[in-house]
Protein backbone atom coordinates (compact mmCIF):
# COMPACT_ATOMS: atom_id res chain seq x y z
CA UNK A 1 24.61 45.17 -52.36
CA UNK A 2 25.64 47.93 -50.41
CA UNK A 3 28.78 48.31 -48.52
CA UNK A 4 29.61 49.90 -44.97
CA UNK A 5 32.44 50.83 -43.12
CA UNK A 6 33.21 48.74 -40.05
CA UNK A 7 33.68 51.44 -37.61
CA UNK A 8 30.47 53.61 -38.66
CA UNK A 9 28.60 50.28 -38.40
CA UNK A 10 29.91 49.63 -35.01
CA UNK A 11 29.17 53.27 -33.51
CA UNK A 12 25.62 52.96 -35.06
CA UNK A 13 24.94 49.89 -33.69
CA UNK A 14 25.84 50.82 -30.23
CA UNK A 15 23.64 53.85 -30.57
CA UNK A 16 20.73 51.58 -31.71
CA UNK A 17 21.43 49.46 -28.51
CA UNK A 18 21.47 52.42 -26.35
CA UNK A 19 18.34 53.44 -27.86
CA UNK A 20 16.77 50.21 -26.22
CA UNK A 21 18.19 50.97 -22.65
CA UNK A 22 21.54 49.12 -23.14
CA UNK A 23 24.32 50.53 -21.04
CA UNK A 24 27.38 52.01 -23.07
CA UNK A 25 29.74 49.36 -21.83
CA UNK A 26 27.53 46.46 -22.75
CA UNK A 27 26.55 47.96 -26.12
CA UNK A 28 29.98 48.19 -26.94
CA UNK A 29 30.56 44.56 -26.33
CA UNK A 30 27.68 43.53 -28.40
CA UNK A 31 28.53 45.73 -31.46
CA UNK A 32 32.03 45.33 -31.63
CA UNK A 33 31.29 41.32 -31.56
CA UNK A 34 28.22 41.71 -34.52
CA UNK A 35 30.45 43.82 -36.72
CA UNK A 36 33.56 41.68 -36.12
CA UNK A 37 31.30 38.57 -37.16
CA UNK A 38 30.56 40.55 -40.27
CA UNK A 39 33.93 41.77 -40.94
CA UNK A 40 34.91 37.88 -40.93
CA UNK A 41 32.18 36.96 -43.25
CA UNK A 42 29.65 35.37 -40.79
CA UNK A 43 27.25 37.48 -41.93
CA UNK A 44 24.74 35.05 -40.23
CA UNK A 45 25.70 36.48 -36.70
CA UNK A 46 26.20 39.81 -37.79
CA UNK A 47 24.22 43.21 -37.41
CA UNK A 48 21.09 41.27 -39.11
CA UNK A 49 20.71 39.93 -35.43
CA UNK A 50 19.60 43.62 -34.29
CA UNK A 51 16.18 43.47 -34.93
CA UNK A 52 15.99 39.84 -32.92
CA UNK A 53 17.92 41.43 -30.08
CA UNK A 54 15.72 44.76 -29.99
CA UNK A 55 12.66 42.69 -29.98
CA UNK A 56 13.88 40.57 -27.26
CA UNK A 57 14.70 43.81 -25.10
CA UNK A 58 11.05 44.94 -25.65
CA UNK A 59 9.70 41.46 -24.52
CA UNK A 60 11.89 40.96 -21.58
CA UNK A 61 14.01 38.08 -22.85
CA UNK A 62 17.20 40.13 -22.74
CA UNK A 63 17.72 42.32 -19.81
CA UNK A 64 20.10 45.10 -20.57
CA UNK A 65 22.50 45.90 -17.60
CA UNK A 66 21.28 42.82 -15.53
CA UNK A 67 24.45 41.78 -13.40
CA UNK A 68 26.42 38.84 -14.38
CA UNK A 69 27.73 37.10 -11.67
CA UNK A 70 30.06 34.09 -10.24
CA UNK A 71 27.51 31.45 -8.39
CA UNK A 72 29.63 28.66 -7.53
CA UNK A 73 33.22 28.33 -7.95
CA UNK A 74 36.54 26.23 -7.12
CA UNK A 75 40.26 26.77 -8.10
CA UNK A 76 39.82 25.40 -11.64
CA UNK A 77 35.93 25.81 -12.30
CA UNK A 78 32.92 28.24 -11.85
CA UNK A 79 29.44 28.91 -12.77
CA UNK A 80 28.24 32.38 -14.18
CA UNK A 81 24.80 33.45 -14.00
CA UNK A 82 24.52 35.92 -16.83
CA UNK A 83 21.17 37.44 -15.45
CA UNK A 84 19.36 37.16 -19.17
CA UNK A 85 21.77 40.15 -20.31
CA UNK A 86 22.92 40.06 -23.42
CA UNK A 87 24.51 36.60 -24.26
CA UNK A 88 27.77 38.40 -25.31
CA UNK A 89 28.06 40.00 -22.21
CA UNK A 90 27.64 36.82 -20.26
CA UNK A 91 30.05 35.17 -22.68
CA UNK A 92 32.63 37.62 -22.21
CA UNK A 93 32.74 37.00 -18.33
CA UNK A 94 32.60 33.38 -18.50
CA UNK A 95 35.55 33.05 -21.02
CA UNK A 96 37.63 35.67 -18.90
CA UNK A 97 36.92 33.69 -15.71
CA UNK A 98 37.95 30.72 -17.33
CA UNK A 99 41.14 32.44 -18.75
CA UNK A 100 42.06 33.68 -15.47
CA UNK A 101 41.68 30.18 -14.06
CA UNK A 102 43.99 28.98 -16.28
CA UNK A 103 46.57 31.53 -15.81
CA UNK A 104 46.74 30.89 -12.09
CA UNK A 105 46.10 27.04 -11.88
CA UNK A 106 47.04 25.81 -15.65
CA UNK A 107 43.38 24.54 -16.25
CA UNK A 108 40.20 26.28 -16.03
CA UNK A 109 36.54 25.71 -17.04
CA UNK A 110 33.28 27.48 -16.62
CA UNK A 111 29.76 27.01 -17.62
CA UNK A 112 27.02 29.55 -17.74
CA UNK A 113 23.29 29.79 -16.60
CA UNK A 114 20.77 32.15 -17.74
CA UNK A 115 22.52 33.20 -20.75
CA UNK A 116 21.16 34.67 -23.97
CA UNK A 117 22.19 34.54 -27.40
CA UNK A 118 26.12 34.37 -27.34
CA UNK A 119 26.79 34.95 -31.19
CA UNK A 120 29.97 33.41 -32.57
CA UNK A 121 31.21 30.72 -30.29
CA UNK A 122 34.74 31.29 -32.33
CA UNK A 123 35.20 34.65 -31.01
CA UNK A 124 35.57 33.53 -27.22
CA UNK A 125 38.13 30.97 -27.63
CA UNK A 126 39.87 33.05 -30.30
CA UNK A 127 40.46 35.93 -27.44
CA UNK A 128 41.58 33.25 -25.04
CA UNK A 129 44.10 32.01 -27.52
CA UNK A 130 45.71 35.32 -28.10
CA UNK A 131 46.34 35.46 -24.35
CA UNK A 132 48.51 32.44 -24.88
CA UNK A 133 45.84 29.51 -23.95
CA UNK A 134 44.38 26.99 -25.45
CA UNK A 135 40.81 26.94 -25.51
CA UNK A 136 37.49 24.87 -26.08
CA UNK A 137 34.17 25.79 -26.43
CA UNK A 138 30.65 24.42 -26.55
CA UNK A 139 27.45 26.10 -27.10
CA UNK A 140 23.88 24.54 -26.62
CA UNK A 141 20.25 26.04 -26.94
CA UNK A 142 17.02 24.95 -25.22
CA UNK A 143 13.86 23.74 -26.77
CA UNK A 144 13.45 27.23 -28.43
CA UNK A 145 16.59 26.30 -30.75
CA UNK A 146 15.83 22.50 -31.16
CA UNK A 147 16.15 22.82 -35.05
CA UNK A 148 18.11 19.55 -35.54
CA UNK A 149 16.98 15.85 -35.61
CA UNK A 150 18.77 13.06 -34.06
CA UNK A 151 20.18 10.58 -36.28
CA UNK A 152 16.80 8.67 -37.53
CA UNK A 153 14.24 11.16 -36.17
CA UNK A 154 12.40 13.83 -38.32
CA UNK A 155 11.55 16.18 -35.50
CA UNK A 156 14.22 18.14 -34.14
CA UNK A 157 15.49 17.62 -30.43
CA UNK A 158 18.96 19.16 -30.40
CA UNK A 159 20.30 22.58 -31.38
CA UNK A 160 22.87 23.52 -34.15
CA UNK A 161 25.25 22.95 -30.84
CA UNK A 162 28.60 24.46 -32.12
CA UNK A 163 31.91 23.59 -31.12
CA UNK A 164 34.90 25.63 -31.30
CA UNK A 165 38.63 25.49 -30.23
CA UNK A 166 41.46 28.01 -30.73
CA UNK A 167 45.39 27.38 -30.03
CA UNK A 168 48.16 29.85 -29.55
CA UNK A 169 50.58 29.67 -32.72
CA UNK A 170 53.65 31.49 -31.34
CA UNK A 171 53.90 34.96 -33.43
CA UNK A 172 51.29 34.07 -35.71
CA UNK A 173 47.40 34.10 -35.49
CA UNK A 174 45.65 31.74 -33.66
CA UNK A 175 44.51 28.61 -35.45
CA UNK A 176 40.66 28.71 -34.91
CA UNK A 177 37.72 26.52 -36.01
CA UNK A 178 33.95 26.82 -35.50
CA UNK A 179 31.59 24.63 -36.41
CA UNK A 180 27.89 23.57 -35.86
CA UNK A 181 27.41 19.94 -35.10
CA UNK A 182 24.40 20.40 -37.76
CA UNK A 183 25.05 20.69 -41.52
CA UNK A 184 24.27 24.49 -41.53
CA UNK A 185 23.39 26.83 -38.34
CA UNK A 186 19.94 28.19 -38.55
CA UNK A 187 21.27 31.80 -39.12
CA UNK A 188 22.67 30.74 -42.51
CA UNK A 189 19.16 29.28 -43.43
CA UNK A 190 17.57 32.84 -42.43
CA UNK A 191 20.27 34.67 -44.47
CA UNK A 192 19.61 32.53 -47.57
CA UNK A 193 15.90 33.29 -47.01
CA UNK A 194 16.64 36.77 -46.83
CA UNK A 195 18.47 36.66 -50.17
CA UNK A 196 15.99 34.56 -51.57
CA UNK A 197 18.18 31.93 -52.32
CA UNK A 198 17.74 27.99 -52.42
CA UNK A 199 19.42 25.86 -49.58
CA UNK A 200 22.20 23.39 -50.55
CA UNK A 201 21.26 20.13 -50.75
CA UNK A 202 21.46 17.71 -47.62
CA UNK A 203 20.86 20.88 -45.18
CA UNK A 204 17.00 20.14 -44.21
CA UNK A 205 14.02 18.04 -44.35
CA UNK A 206 10.69 19.26 -44.28
CA UNK A 207 8.02 18.00 -41.98
CA UNK A 208 7.77 14.53 -42.90
CA UNK A 209 11.27 14.00 -43.25
CA UNK A 210 11.84 14.53 -46.86
CA UNK A 211 14.98 16.68 -48.13
CA UNK A 212 14.27 20.05 -49.56
CA UNK A 213 16.23 23.02 -50.40
CA UNK A 214 13.36 25.73 -49.71
CA UNK A 215 13.72 27.73 -46.57
CA UNK A 216 10.20 27.98 -46.23
CA UNK A 217 10.17 24.18 -45.89
CA UNK A 218 12.12 24.63 -42.79
CA UNK A 219 10.44 27.63 -41.26
CA UNK A 220 6.75 26.13 -41.93
CA UNK A 221 4.19 25.54 -40.99
CA UNK A 222 4.67 23.03 -40.16
CA UNK A 223 8.30 23.32 -39.52
CA UNK A 224 10.96 21.15 -41.08
CA UNK A 225 14.34 20.47 -39.25
CA UNK A 226 17.95 20.54 -40.15
CA UNK A 227 20.10 17.39 -40.36
CA UNK A 228 23.10 16.76 -38.05
CA UNK A 229 26.50 17.14 -40.03
CA UNK A 230 27.87 14.08 -41.85
CA UNK A 231 25.45 13.25 -44.47
CA UNK A 232 25.26 9.40 -44.46
CA UNK A 233 27.44 9.22 -41.59
CA UNK A 234 25.45 12.04 -39.54
CA UNK A 235 25.40 9.95 -36.54
CA UNK A 236 28.73 11.46 -35.82
CA UNK A 237 27.29 15.00 -36.14
CA UNK A 238 24.55 13.84 -33.71
CA UNK A 239 26.57 12.23 -31.23
CA UNK A 240 28.93 15.41 -30.93
CA UNK A 241 25.58 17.66 -30.77
CA UNK A 242 24.41 15.36 -27.76
CA UNK A 243 27.80 15.72 -26.19
CA UNK A 244 27.59 19.40 -26.26
CA UNK A 245 24.08 19.62 -24.84
CA UNK A 246 25.53 17.51 -21.77
CA UNK A 247 28.30 19.94 -21.55
CA UNK A 248 26.89 23.33 -21.84
CA UNK A 249 23.64 22.37 -20.55
CA UNK A 250 23.41 19.50 -18.24
CA UNK A 251 26.48 20.29 -16.53
CA UNK A 252 25.05 23.66 -15.87
CA UNK A 253 22.27 22.24 -14.13
CA UNK A 254 19.83 23.68 -16.58
CA UNK A 255 17.00 22.00 -18.50
CA UNK A 256 17.06 21.12 -22.04
CA UNK A 257 13.49 21.10 -22.52
CA UNK A 258 12.98 24.71 -21.40
CA UNK A 259 10.83 26.83 -23.74
CA UNK A 260 12.66 29.79 -23.08
CA UNK A 261 15.32 31.24 -25.69
CA UNK A 262 18.90 31.30 -24.93
CA UNK A 263 22.23 29.53 -25.17
CA UNK A 264 24.34 27.31 -22.43
CA UNK A 265 28.03 27.94 -22.87
CA UNK A 266 31.04 25.96 -21.79
CA UNK A 267 34.61 26.86 -21.87
CA UNK A 268 37.98 24.89 -21.28
CA UNK A 269 41.09 26.64 -21.25
CA UNK A 270 44.46 25.19 -20.63
CA UNK A 271 48.14 26.78 -20.41
CA UNK A 272 50.22 24.63 -22.71
CA UNK A 273 53.17 25.81 -20.58
CA UNK A 274 51.72 23.01 -17.96
CA UNK A 275 52.84 20.29 -20.57
CA UNK A 276 55.54 21.56 -23.06
CA UNK A 277 58.08 24.43 -22.68
CA UNK A 278 56.45 27.18 -24.42
CA UNK A 279 59.40 27.63 -26.86
CA UNK A 280 59.30 24.10 -27.87
CA UNK A 281 55.25 24.18 -28.01
CA UNK A 282 55.69 27.29 -30.74
CA UNK A 283 58.26 25.33 -32.66
CA UNK A 284 56.46 21.99 -32.94
CA UNK A 285 53.21 23.87 -33.69
CA UNK A 286 55.04 25.82 -36.72
CA UNK A 287 56.48 22.79 -37.97
CA UNK A 288 53.20 20.80 -37.69
CA UNK A 289 51.46 23.73 -39.57
CA UNK A 290 54.17 24.06 -42.20
CA UNK A 291 53.75 20.44 -42.74
CA UNK A 292 49.95 20.26 -43.13
CA UNK A 293 50.01 23.46 -45.49
CA UNK A 294 52.68 21.83 -47.71
CA UNK A 295 49.96 19.38 -49.09
CA UNK A 296 49.76 20.07 -52.67
CA UNK A 297 46.48 21.63 -53.36
CA UNK A 298 43.72 20.33 -56.00
CA UNK A 299 43.43 23.94 -57.27
CA UNK A 300 46.64 25.82 -57.52
CA UNK A 301 45.07 29.17 -57.00
CA UNK A 302 43.95 27.85 -53.81
CA UNK A 303 46.46 26.63 -51.32
CA UNK A 304 45.96 24.89 -48.12
CA UNK A 305 44.57 27.14 -45.32
CA UNK A 306 44.87 26.64 -41.54
CA UNK A 307 41.43 26.93 -39.79
CA UNK A 308 40.86 30.60 -39.33
CA UNK A 309 42.99 31.88 -42.23
CA UNK A 310 39.98 32.33 -44.46
CA UNK A 311 38.20 34.50 -42.32
CA UNK A 312 41.19 36.39 -41.41
CA UNK A 313 41.65 36.94 -45.42
CA UNK A 314 37.78 37.87 -45.79
CA UNK A 315 38.41 40.35 -42.91
CA UNK A 316 41.26 42.30 -44.64
CA UNK A 317 39.34 42.45 -47.81
CA UNK A 318 35.84 44.05 -45.67
CA UNK A 319 38.40 46.19 -43.70
CA UNK A 320 39.84 47.90 -47.01
CA UNK A 321 36.43 47.77 -49.27
CA UNK A 322 33.47 47.77 -46.85
CA UNK A 323 30.83 45.12 -45.24
CA UNK A 324 28.70 44.19 -48.04
CA UNK A 325 24.55 44.16 -46.51
CA UNK A 326 22.07 42.52 -48.42
CA UNK A 327 18.75 44.77 -49.20
CA UNK A 328 16.55 42.83 -47.07
CA UNK A 329 18.50 42.68 -44.00
CA UNK A 330 19.52 46.30 -44.07
CA UNK A 331 15.83 47.09 -44.43
CA UNK A 332 15.02 45.26 -41.45
CA UNK A 333 17.97 46.70 -39.41
CA UNK A 334 16.90 50.53 -40.38
CA UNK A 335 13.38 50.18 -39.61
CA UNK A 336 14.40 48.63 -36.18
CA UNK A 337 16.38 51.68 -35.78
CA UNK A 338 13.64 54.09 -37.06
CA UNK A 339 11.12 52.49 -34.69
CA UNK A 340 13.60 53.42 -31.60
CA UNK A 341 13.84 56.99 -33.02
CA UNK A 342 17.39 56.25 -33.72
CA UNK A 343 19.53 58.44 -36.33
CA UNK A 344 20.49 59.42 -38.76
CA UNK A 345 20.97 56.22 -40.70
CA UNK A 346 24.54 55.34 -42.09
CA UNK A 347 24.51 55.82 -45.90
CA UNK A 348 26.97 53.46 -47.97
CA UNK A 349 29.89 55.46 -49.61
CA UNK A 350 28.69 54.65 -52.92
CA UNK A 351 25.11 56.06 -52.37
CA UNK A 352 26.63 59.34 -50.80
CA UNK A 353 28.86 59.75 -53.84
CA UNK A 354 25.78 59.90 -56.47
């Protein structure tokens, strides 16, 4: 696969977004988010989303530059109306608001309304943890994204509904976890399809509820569905997915059965210093991290990692060697840029050297 410099990709992505009417500040927020996801190996939420977003702008689903406003607020809580702007713009405002409330009152919680696809949930909670706050995030989708079966069902009734958390870790990078309550996020199935790869066993079922490893059996027609995580104990993933739906949709006063695409977000932030002296917190967390990582690994070449370490390792490698983009994804992104009259198209270093 060709590889690309992250700064080049980021600058070019801003140009593509600007070409479809996105204000410069918002274009920077979205492009930084997408390319950072690619840097961390979360390619399902990287620049492969550009064609999807540009099409959403064209059909009016995304409204570039729309105002993002607080519509309900207490000392510790807020509802952020995102105006159907890019989801990353609304998501950033939401976590910023939750952070400000935690700094002022030790605890904050914010939910969103009218929010488009917000990307990688972990990015928001990690940002808050880098400001010294423990943060939890929940992300739901309305009927448009209901790819996941409830336990015992064969028709999707929930979205992949990720949960994320991040905790500050003294002078070390935050501990960060971000996972869907389904066996796999839909974007990863899309990535496997674009790379012409079979899915792993236990990810999806076809329209009749039978296990399948074919992306085509998921997308249909007729469409299949994704299983809740947990394998034979998938009722656990189902229950967590239902909790996310309640936190990020019902609590925001939104309708889970709406046909419109988008995400519901909920963020909880809290200041550790409200419970324990910060120096002691850092000391105890370091003790915990050291103890957990001291477990002898099954494979001596792969020591135990804390949540978030793997993605940071991938980021270092890709910063040094470039971001790989599969040919099918790159063709789709390039065609979108050309349709907008946006150029010149970035050329991977290995191609320019020939």
